[in-house]
Amino acid sequence: MRILKSKKFYKNLFIIALAIYILGIFISQQRTLDSYKNNQEYYAKQIQEQIEYKESLLAKKESLNSSEYIEEVAREKLDMYLPNEKIYIDQDK
């Protein structure tokens, strides 16, 4: 009888140890999944920001060939003006 009781004890001990091990694996997997979800949200946000930046660059690229932009750059950076245009410079600056 004593042998049967010890076998039953070891069997129960093994089942409890196995249950604890499986529970530990589930907890570890859940933490990993949460980390992946956070990374996914971060990268989705980064992708959206880059798409918006790309769209702004494309809009700027389109405006570079416009005559208004060329005239603006010529006036501001190259100090070029239209013929017969009077330029007034503010001396108080």
PDB file of N, CA and C in Angstrom:
ATOM      1  N   MET A   1       0.804  -1.189   0.000  1.00  0.00           N
ATOM      2  CA  MET A   1       0.000   0.000   0.000  1.00  0.00           C
ATOM      3  C   MET A   1       0.857   1.267   0.000  1.00  0.00           C
ATOM      4  N   ARG A   2       1.952   1.179   0.728  1.00  0.00           N
ATOM      5  CA  ARG A   2       2.823   2.337   0.821  1.00  0.00           C
ATOM      6  C   ARG A   2       3.407   2.685  -0.547  1.00  0.00           C
ATOM      7  N   ILE A   3       3.689   1.712  -1.366  1.00  0.00           N
ATOM      8  CA  ILE A   3       4.229   1.942  -2.698  1.00  0.00           C
ATOM      9  C   ILE A   3       3.184   2.641  -3.567  1.00  0.00           C
ATOM     10  N   LEU A   4       1.949   2.257  -3.468  1.00  0.00           N
ATOM     11  CA  LEU A   4       0.887   2.881  -4.251  1.00  0.00           C
ATOM     12  C   LEU A   4       0.687   4.336  -3.852  1.00  0.00           C
ATOM     13  N   LYS A   5       0.789   4.592  -2.544  1.00  0.00           N
ATOM     14  CA  LYS A   5       0.634   5.976  -2.085  1.00  0.00           C
ATOM     15  C   LYS A   5       1.777   6.849  -2.585  1.00  0.00           C
ATOM     16  N   SER A   6       3.003   6.337  -2.580  1.00  0.00           N
ATOM     17  CA  SER A   6       4.139   7.132  -3.048  1.00  0.00           C
ATOM     18  C   SER A   6       4.058   7.354  -4.557  1.00  0.00           C
ATOM     19  N   LYS A   7       3.571   6.367  -5.310  1.00  0.00           N
ATOM     20  CA  LYS A   7       3.403   6.550  -6.754  1.00  0.00           C
ATOM     21  C   LYS A   7       2.353   7.615  -7.032  1.00  0.00           C
ATOM     22  N   LYS A   8       1.279   7.580  -6.249  1.00  0.00           N
ATOM     23  CA  LYS A   8       0.220   8.561  -6.422  1.00  0.00           C
ATOM     24  C   LYS A   8       0.739   9.963  -6.061  1.00  0.00           C
ATOM     25  N   PHE A   9       1.555  10.039  -5.015  1.00  0.00           N
ATOM     26  CA  PHE A   9       2.141  11.306  -4.599  1.00  0.00           C
ATOM     27  C   PHE A   9       3.039  11.875  -5.700  1.00  0.00           C
ATOM     28  N   TYR A  10       3.903  11.046  -6.268  1.00  0.00           N
ATOM     29  CA  TYR A  10       4.807  11.501  -7.325  1.00  0.00           C
ATOM     30  C   TYR A  10       4.040  11.864  -8.599  1.00  0.00           C
ATOM     31  N   LYS A  11       2.978  11.126  -8.844  1.00  0.00           N
ATOM     32  CA  LYS A  11       2.149  11.437 -10.005  1.00  0.00           C
ATOM     33  C   LYS A  11       1.488  12.806  -9.818  1.00  0.00           C
ATOM     34  N   ASN A  12       0.936  13.075  -8.661  1.00  0.00           N
ATOM     35  CA  ASN A  12       0.325  14.374  -8.371  1.00  0.00           C
ATOM     36  C   ASN A  12       1.364  15.493  -8.405  1.00  0.00           C
ATOM     37  N   LEU A  13       2.531  15.230  -7.852  1.00  0.00           N
ATOM     38  CA  LEU A  13       3.615  16.209  -7.864  1.00  0.00           C
ATOM     39  C   LEU A  13       4.029  16.537  -9.297  1.00  0.00           C
ATOM     40  N   PHE A  14       4.126  15.513 -10.137  1.00  0.00           N
ATOM     41  CA  PHE A  14       4.483  15.719 -11.535  1.00  0.00           C
ATOM     42  C   PHE A  14       3.414  16.546 -12.250  1.00  0.00           C
ATOM     43  N   ILE A  15       2.158  16.260 -11.991  1.00  0.00           N
ATOM     44  CA  ILE A  15       1.063  17.005 -12.638  1.00  0.00           C
ATOM     45  C   ILE A  15       1.073  18.470 -12.187  1.00  0.00           C
ATOM     46  N   ILE A  16       1.310  18.715 -10.915  1.00  0.00           N
ATOM     47  CA  ILE A  16       1.372  20.091 -10.409  1.00  0.00           C
ATOM     48  C   ILE A  16       2.561  20.832 -11.022  1.00  0.00           C
ATOM     49  N   ALA A  17       3.718  20.170 -11.092  1.00  0.00           N
ATOM     50  CA  ALA A  17       4.901  20.798 -11.680  1.00  0.00           C
ATOM     51  C   ALA A  17       4.672  21.105 -13.161  1.00  0.00           C
ATOM     52  N   LEU A  18       4.033  20.175 -13.852  1.00  0.00           N
ATOM     53  CA  LEU A  18       3.736  20.382 -15.267  1.00  0.00           C
ATOM     54  C   LEU A  18       2.764  21.549 -15.453  1.00  0.00           C
ATOM     55  N   ALA A  19       1.760  21.646 -14.593  1.00  0.00           N
ATOM     56  CA  ALA A  19       0.795  22.742 -14.674  1.00  0.00           C
ATOM     57  C   ALA A  19       1.483  24.080 -14.419  1.00  0.00           C
ATOM     58  N   ILE A  20       2.379  24.146 -13.453  1.00  0.00           N
ATOM     59  CA  ILE A  20       3.116  25.381 -13.164  1.00  0.00           C
ATOM     60  C   ILE A  20       4.003  25.762 -14.350  1.00  0.00           C
ATOM     61  N   TYR A  21       4.651  24.774 -14.950  1.00  0.00           N
ATOM     62  CA  TYR A  21       5.509  25.024 -16.111  1.00  0.00           C
ATOM     63  C   TYR A  21       4.691  25.573 -17.283  1.00  0.00           C
ATOM     64  N   ILE A  22       3.547  24.977 -17.560  1.00  0.00           N
ATOM     65  CA  ILE A  22       2.681  25.425 -18.660  1.00  0.00           C
ATOM     66  C   ILE A  22       2.161  26.828 -18.377  1.00  0.00           C
ATOM     67  N   LEU A  23       1.787  27.101 -17.147  1.00  0.00           N
ATOM     68  CA  LEU A  23       1.324  28.440 -16.777  1.00  0.00           C
ATOM     69  C   LEU A  23       2.440  29.468 -16.995  1.00  0.00           C
ATOM     70  N   GLY A  24       3.668  29.119 -16.630  1.00  0.00           N
ATOM     71  CA  GLY A  24       4.811  30.011 -16.854  1.00  0.00           C
ATOM     72  C   GLY A  24       5.020  30.292 -18.333  1.00  0.00           C
ATOM     73  N   ILE A  25       4.859  29.268 -19.156  1.00  0.00           N
ATOM     74  CA  ILE A  25       5.002  29.450 -20.603  1.00  0.00           C
ATOM     75  C   ILE A  25       3.917  30.388 -21.126  1.00  0.00           C
ATOM     76  N   PHE A  26       2.680  30.216 -20.684  1.00  0.00           N
ATOM     77  CA  PHE A  26       1.591  31.085 -21.128  1.00  0.00           C
ATOM     78  C   PHE A  26       1.842  32.535 -20.738  1.00  0.00           C
ATOM     79  N   ILE A  27       2.322  32.765 -19.530  1.00  0.00           N
ATOM     80  CA  ILE A  27       2.605  34.132 -19.082  1.00  0.00           C
ATOM     81  C   ILE A  27       3.718  34.743 -19.918  1.00  0.00           C
ATOM     82  N   SER A  28       4.759  33.978 -20.187  1.00  0.00           N
ATOM     83  CA  SER A  28       5.865  34.455 -21.003  1.00  0.00           C
ATOM     84  C   SER A  28       5.404  34.789 -22.421  1.00  0.00           C
ATOM     85  N   GLN A  29       4.586  33.938 -22.987  1.00  0.00           N
ATOM     86  CA  GLN A  29       4.073  34.176 -24.334  1.00  0.00           C
ATOM     87  C   GLN A  29       3.197  35.431 -24.379  1.00  0.00           C
ATOM     88  N   GLN A  30       2.407  35.646 -23.351  1.00  0.00           N
ATOM     89  CA  GLN A  30       1.545  36.828 -23.306  1.00  0.00           C
ATOM     90  C   GLN A  30       2.380  38.106 -23.257  1.00  0.00           C
ATOM     91  N   ARG A  31       3.454  38.091 -22.481  1.00  0.00           N
ATOM     92  CA  ARG A  31       4.344  39.255 -22.421  1.00  0.00           C
ATOM     93  C   ARG A  31       4.969  39.519 -23.784  1.00  0.00           C
ATOM     94  N   THR A  32       5.382  38.457 -24.456  1.00  0.00           N
ATOM     95  CA  THR A  32       5.974  38.601 -25.783  1.00  0.00           C
ATOM     96  C   THR A  32       4.964  39.172 -26.767  1.00  0.00           C
ATOM     97  N   LEU A  33       3.741  38.681 -26.722  1.00  0.00           N
ATOM     98  CA  LEU A  33       2.698  39.188 -27.618  1.00  0.00           C
ATOM     99  C   LEU A  33       2.391  40.662 -27.343  1.00  0.00           C
ATOM    100  N   ASP A  34       2.354  41.052 -26.078  1.00  0.00           N
ATOM    101  CA  ASP A  34       2.127  42.455 -25.731  1.00  0.00           C
ATOM    102  C   ASP A  34       3.246  43.340 -26.271  1.00  0.00           C
ATOM    103  N   SER A  35       4.470  42.855 -26.165  1.00  0.00           N
ATOM    104  CA  SER A  35       5.611  43.608 -26.683  1.00  0.00           C
ATOM    105  C   SER A  35       5.512  43.758 -28.199  1.00  0.00           C
ATOM    106  N   TYR A  36       5.125  42.697 -28.895  1.00  0.00           N
ATOM    107  CA  TYR A  36       4.953  42.770 -30.345  1.00  0.00           C
ATOM    108  C   TYR A  36       3.834  43.737 -30.720  1.00  0.00           C
ATOM    109  N   LYS A  37       2.778  43.758 -29.950  1.00  0.00           N
ATOM    110  CA  LYS A  37       1.661  44.668 -30.236  1.00  0.00           C
ATOM    111  C   LYS A  37       2.111  46.116 -30.077  1.00  0.00           C
ATOM    112  N   ASN A  38       2.882  46.399 -29.028  1.00  0.00           N
ATOM    113  CA  ASN A  38       3.388  47.759 -28.824  1.00  0.00           C
ATOM    114  C   ASN A  38       4.314  48.172 -29.967  1.00  0.00           C
ATOM    115  N   ASN A  39       5.180  47.246 -30.391  1.00  0.00           N
ATOM    116  CA  ASN A  39       6.069  47.536 -31.515  1.00  0.00           C
ATOM    117  C   ASN A  39       5.278  47.785 -32.793  1.00  0.00           C
ATOM    118  N   GLN A  40       4.233  47.022 -33.002  1.00  0.00           N
ATOM    119  CA  GLN A  40       3.405  47.186 -34.193  1.00  0.00           C
ATOM    120  C   GLN A  40       2.760  48.572 -34.212  1.00  0.00           C
ATOM    121  N   GLU A  41       2.247  49.021 -33.091  1.00  0.00           N
ATOM    122  CA  GLU A  41       1.639  50.345 -33.012  1.00  0.00           C
ATOM    123  C   GLU A  41       2.678  51.439 -33.279  1.00  0.00           C
ATOM    124  N   TYR A  42       3.866  51.277 -32.722  1.00  0.00           N
ATOM    125  CA  TYR A  42       4.935  52.258 -32.919  1.00  0.00           C
ATOM    126  C   TYR A  42       5.317  52.349 -34.390  1.00  0.00           C
ATOM    127  N   TYR A  43       5.527  51.192 -35.024  1.00  0.00           N
ATOM    128  CA  TYR A  43       5.939  51.188 -36.423  1.00  0.00           C
ATOM    129  C   TYR A  43       4.823  51.657 -37.345  1.00  0.00           C
ATOM    130  N   ALA A  44       3.581  51.378 -37.010  1.00  0.00           N
ATOM    131  CA  ALA A  44       2.458  51.880 -37.813  1.00  0.00           C
ATOM    132  C   ALA A  44       2.428  53.411 -37.766  1.00  0.00           C
ATOM    133  N   LYS A  45       2.697  53.968 -36.595  1.00  0.00           N
ATOM    134  CA  LYS A  45       2.745  55.425 -36.456  1.00  0.00           C
ATOM    135  C   LYS A  45       3.908  56.009 -37.257  1.00  0.00           C
ATOM    136  N   GLN A  46       5.053  55.365 -37.210  1.00  0.00           N
ATOM    137  CA  GLN A  46       6.218  55.821 -37.967  1.00  0.00           C
ATOM    138  C   GLN A  46       5.946  55.780 -39.466  1.00  0.00           C
ATOM    139  N   ILE A  47       5.286  54.729 -39.918  1.00  0.00           N
ATOM    140  CA  ILE A  47       4.956  54.607 -41.342  1.00  0.00           C
ATOM    141  C   ILE A  47       4.027  55.736 -41.754  1.00  0.00           C
ATOM    142  N   GLN A  48       3.025  56.019 -40.938  1.00  0.00           N
ATOM    143  CA  GLN A  48       2.077  57.092 -41.261  1.00  0.00           C
ATOM    144  C   GLN A  48       2.785  58.446 -41.332  1.00  0.00           C
ATOM    145  N   GLU A  49       3.696  58.703 -40.401  1.00  0.00           N
ATOM    146  CA  GLU A  49       4.440  59.958 -40.417  1.00  0.00           C
ATOM    147  C   GLU A  49       5.291  60.078 -41.673  1.00  0.00           C
ATOM    148  N   GLN A  50       5.920  58.985 -42.084  1.00  0.00           N
ATOM    149  CA  GLN A  50       6.751  59.011 -43.279  1.00  0.00           C
ATOM    150  C   GLN A  50       5.916  59.192 -44.541  1.00  0.00           C
ATOM    151  N   ILE A  51       4.726  58.631 -44.568  1.00  0.00           N
ATOM    152  CA  ILE A  51       3.830  58.820 -45.715  1.00  0.00           C
ATOM    153  C   ILE A  51       3.435  60.293 -45.822  1.00  0.00           C
ATOM    154  N   GLU A  52       3.108  60.914 -44.694  1.00  0.00           N
ATOM    155  CA  GLU A  52       2.758  62.332 -44.699  1.00  0.00           C
ATOM    156  C   GLU A  52       3.941  63.193 -45.137  1.00  0.00           C
ATOM    157  N   TYR A  53       5.143  62.844 -44.670  1.00  0.00           N
ATOM    158  CA  TYR A  53       6.341  63.580 -45.056  1.00  0.00           C
ATOM    159  C   TYR A  53       6.585  63.438 -46.557  1.00  0.00           C
ATOM    160  N   LYS A  54       6.404  62.249 -47.078  1.00  0.00           N
ATOM    161  CA  LYS A  54       6.574  62.003 -48.512  1.00  0.00           C
ATOM    162  C   LYS A  54       5.589  62.850 -49.321  1.00  0.00           C
ATOM    163  N   GLU A  55       4.339  62.907 -48.863  1.00  0.00           N
ATOM    164  CA  GLU A  55       3.333  63.710 -49.563  1.00  0.00           C
ATOM    165  C   GLU A  55       3.697  65.192 -49.550  1.00  0.00           C
ATOM    166  N   SER A  56       4.238  65.668 -48.431  1.00  0.00           N
ATOM    167  CA  SER A  56       4.635  67.075 -48.375  1.00  0.00           C
ATOM    168  C   SER A  56       5.813  67.346 -49.314  1.00  0.00           C
ATOM    169  N   LEU A  57       6.735  66.386 -49.408  1.00  0.00           N
ATOM    170  CA  LEU A  57       7.858  66.557 -50.337  1.00  0.00           C
ATOM    171  C   LEU A  57       7.398  66.537 -51.785  1.00  0.00           C
ATOM    172  N   LEU A  58       6.435  65.676 -52.088  1.00  0.00           N
ATOM    173  CA  LEU A  58       5.910  65.641 -53.455  1.00  0.00           C
ATOM    174  C   LEU A  58       5.201  66.949 -53.803  1.00  0.00           C
ATOM    175  N   ALA A  59       4.461  67.507 -52.854  1.00  0.00           N
ATOM    176  CA  ALA A  59       3.791  68.787 -53.086  1.00  0.00           C
ATOM    177  C   ALA A  59       4.823  69.891 -53.308  1.00  0.00           C
ATOM    178  N   LYS A  60       5.896  69.865 -52.529  1.00  0.00           N
ATOM    179  CA  LYS A  60       6.962  70.859 -52.691  1.00  0.00           C
ATOM    180  C   LYS A  60       7.646  70.689 -54.044  1.00  0.00           C
ATOM    181  N   LYS A  61       7.843  69.459 -54.456  1.00  0.00           N
ATOM    182  CA  LYS A  61       8.468  69.182 -55.750  1.00  0.00           C
ATOM    183  C   LYS A  61       7.614  69.747 -56.885  1.00  0.00           C
ATOM    184  N   GLU A  62       6.320  69.587 -56.773  1.00  0.00           N
ATOM    185  CA  GLU A  62       5.418  70.128 -57.792  1.00  0.00           C
ATOM    186  C   GLU A  62       5.479  71.656 -57.836  1.00  0.00           C
ATOM    187  N   SER A  63       5.615  72.290 -56.677  1.00  0.00           N
ATOM    188  CA  SER A  63       5.636  73.751 -56.638  1.00  0.00           C
ATOM    189  C   SER A  63       6.977  74.327 -57.091  1.00  0.00           C
ATOM    190  N   LEU A  64       8.023  73.520 -57.130  1.00  0.00           N
ATOM    191  CA  LEU A  64       9.338  74.023 -57.525  1.00  0.00           C
ATOM    192  C   LEU A  64       9.362  74.481 -58.979  1.00  0.00           C
ATOM    193  N   ASN A  65       8.554  73.896 -59.807  1.00  0.00           N
ATOM    194  CA  ASN A  65       8.549  74.248 -61.225  1.00  0.00           C
ATOM    195  C   ASN A  65       7.576  75.377 -61.550  1.00  0.00           C
ATOM    196  N   SER A  66       6.867  75.860 -60.566  1.00  0.00           N
ATOM    197  CA  SER A  66       5.900  76.929 -60.834  1.00  0.00           C
ATOM    198  C   SER A  66       6.622  78.270 -60.978  1.00  0.00           C
ATOM    199  N   SER A  67       6.048  79.143 -61.760  1.00  0.00           N
ATOM    200  CA  SER A  67       6.682  80.447 -61.990  1.00  0.00           C
ATOM    201  C   SER A  67       6.663  81.301 -60.722  1.00  0.00           C
ATOM    202  N   GLU A  68       5.646  81.121 -59.873  1.00  0.00           N
ATOM    203  CA  GLU A  68       5.594  81.888 -58.628  1.00  0.00           C
ATOM    204  C   GLU A  68       6.765  81.539 -57.710  1.00  0.00           C
ATOM    205  N   TYR A  69       7.084  80.263 -57.617  1.00  0.00           N
ATOM    206  CA  TYR A  69       8.191  79.846 -56.755  1.00  0.00           C
ATOM    207  C   TYR A  69       9.519  80.347 -57.317  1.00  0.00           C
ATOM    208  N   ILE A  70       9.679  80.246 -58.618  1.00  0.00           N
ATOM    209  CA  ILE A  70      10.925  80.712 -59.241  1.00  0.00           C
ATOM    210  C   ILE A  70      11.102  82.211 -59.017  1.00  0.00           C
ATOM    211  N   GLU A  71      10.026  82.959 -59.167  1.00  0.00           N
ATOM    212  CA  GLU A  71      10.081  84.405 -58.940  1.00  0.00           C
ATOM    213  C   GLU A  71      10.407  84.715 -57.480  1.00  0.00           C
ATOM    214  N   GLU A  72       9.816  83.963 -56.564  1.00  0.00           N
ATOM    215  CA  GLU A  72      10.075  84.171 -55.134  1.00  0.00           C
ATOM    216  C   GLU A  72      11.533  83.912 -54.793  1.00  0.00           C
ATOM    217  N   VAL A  73      12.098  82.852 -55.318  1.00  0.00           N
ATOM    218  CA  VAL A  73      13.506  82.529 -55.048  1.00  0.00           C
ATOM    219  C   VAL A  73      14.405  83.598 -55.671  1.00  0.00           C
ATOM    220  N   ALA A  74      14.075  84.027 -56.862  1.00  0.00           N
ATOM    221  CA  ALA A  74      14.892  85.057 -57.521  1.00  0.00           C
ATOM    222  C   ALA A  74      14.878  86.345 -56.720  1.00  0.00           C
ATOM    223  N   ARG A  75      13.747  86.718 -56.159  1.00  0.00           N
ATOM    224  CA  ARG A  75      13.661  87.951 -55.380  1.00  0.00           C
ATOM    225  C   ARG A  75      14.386  87.822 -54.037  1.00  0.00           C
ATOM    226  N   GLU A  76      14.114  86.742 -53.319  1.00  0.00           N
ATOM    227  CA  GLU A  76      14.624  86.618 -51.943  1.00  0.00           C
ATOM    228  C   GLU A  76      16.092  86.216 -51.879  1.00  0.00           C
ATOM    229  N   LYS A  77      16.495  85.261 -52.676  1.00  0.00           N
ATOM    230  CA  LYS A  77      17.844  84.723 -52.535  1.00  0.00           C
ATOM    231  C   LYS A  77      18.846  85.323 -53.522  1.00  0.00           C
ATOM    232  N   LEU A  78      18.374  85.708 -54.685  1.00  0.00           N
ATOM    233  CA  LEU A  78      19.295  86.204 -55.709  1.00  0.00           C
ATOM    234  C   LEU A  78      19.217  87.713 -55.910  1.00  0.00           C
ATOM    235  N   ASP A  79      18.323  88.367 -55.194  1.00  0.00           N
ATOM    236  CA  ASP A  79      18.133  89.814 -55.305  1.00  0.00           C
ATOM    237  C   ASP A  79      17.898  90.250 -56.751  1.00  0.00           C
ATOM    238  N   MET A  80      17.091  89.513 -57.447  1.00  0.00           N
ATOM    239  CA  MET A  80      16.716  89.857 -58.822  1.00  0.00           C
ATOM    240  C   MET A  80      15.296  90.414 -58.802  1.00  0.00           C
ATOM    241  N   TYR A  81      15.052  91.396 -59.666  1.00  0.00           N
ATOM    242  CA  TYR A  81      13.747  92.039 -59.698  1.00  0.00           C
ATOM    243  C   TYR A  81      13.326  92.217 -61.147  1.00  0.00           C
ATOM    244  N   LEU A  82      12.061  92.482 -61.345  1.00  0.00           N
ATOM    245  CA  LEU A  82      11.521  92.716 -62.678  1.00  0.00           C
ATOM    246  C   LEU A  82      11.989  94.073 -63.193  1.00  0.00           C
ATOM    247  N   PRO A  83      12.084  94.219 -64.518  1.00  0.00           N
ATOM    248  CA  PRO A  83      12.488  95.532 -65.061  1.00  0.00           C
ATOM    249  C   PRO A  83      11.455  96.605 -64.682  1.00  0.00           C
ATOM    250  N   ASN A  84      11.918  97.814 -64.486  1.00  0.00           N
ATOM    251  CA  ASN A  84      11.089  98.964 -64.121  1.00  0.00           C
ATOM    252  C   ASN A  84      10.411  98.788 -62.767  1.00  0.00           C
ATOM    253  N   GLU A  85      10.910  97.916 -61.949  1.00  0.00           N
ATOM    254  CA  GLU A  85      10.342  97.707 -60.608  1.00  0.00           C
ATOM    255  C   GLU A  85      11.153  98.535 -59.616  1.00  0.00           C
ATOM    256  N   LYS A  86      10.467  99.281 -58.786  1.00  0.00           N
ATOM    257  CA  LYS A  86      11.148 100.125 -57.797  1.00  0.00           C
ATOM    258  C   LYS A  86      11.269  99.343 -56.499  1.00  0.00           C
ATOM    259  N   ILE A  87      12.467  99.378 -55.939  1.00  0.00           N
ATOM    260  CA  ILE A  87      12.758  98.656 -54.712  1.00  0.00           C
ATOM    261  C   ILE A  87      12.973  99.672 -53.596  1.00  0.00           C
ATOM    262  N   TYR A  88      12.272  99.458 -52.498  1.00  0.00           N
ATOM    263  CA  TYR A  88      12.437 100.306 -51.326  1.00  0.00           C
ATOM    264  C   TYR A  88      13.021  99.461 -50.210  1.00  0.00           C
ATOM    265  N   ILE A  89      14.089  99.971 -49.611  1.00  0.00           N
ATOM    266  CA  ILE A  89      14.747  99.255 -48.519  1.00  0.00           C
ATOM    267  C   ILE A  89      14.517 100.011 -47.228  1.00  0.00           C
ATOM    268  N   ASP A  90      14.066  99.298 -46.231  1.00  0.00           N
ATOM    269  CA  ASP A  90      13.791  99.903 -44.928  1.00  0.00           C
ATOM    270  C   ASP A  90      15.111 100.032 -44.171  1.00  0.00           C
ATOM    271  N   GLN A  91      15.485 101.248 -43.791  1.00  0.00           N
ATOM    272  CA  GLN A  91      16.745 101.522 -43.134  1.00  0.00           C
ATOM    273  C   GLN A  91      16.692 101.264 -41.634  1.00  0.00           C
ATOM    274  N   ASP A  92      15.505 101.061 -41.080  1.00  0.00           N
ATOM    275  CA  ASP A  92      15.362 100.925 -39.625  1.00  0.00           C
ATOM    276  C   ASP A  92      15.717  99.537 -39.118  1.00  0.00           C
ATOM    277  N   LYS A  93      15.988  98.625 -39.943  1.00  0.00           N
ATOM    278  CA  LYS A  93      16.267  97.252 -39.485  1.00  0.00           C
ATOM    279  C   LYS A  93      17.565  97.146 -38.825  1.00  0.00           C
TER     280      LYS A  93
END
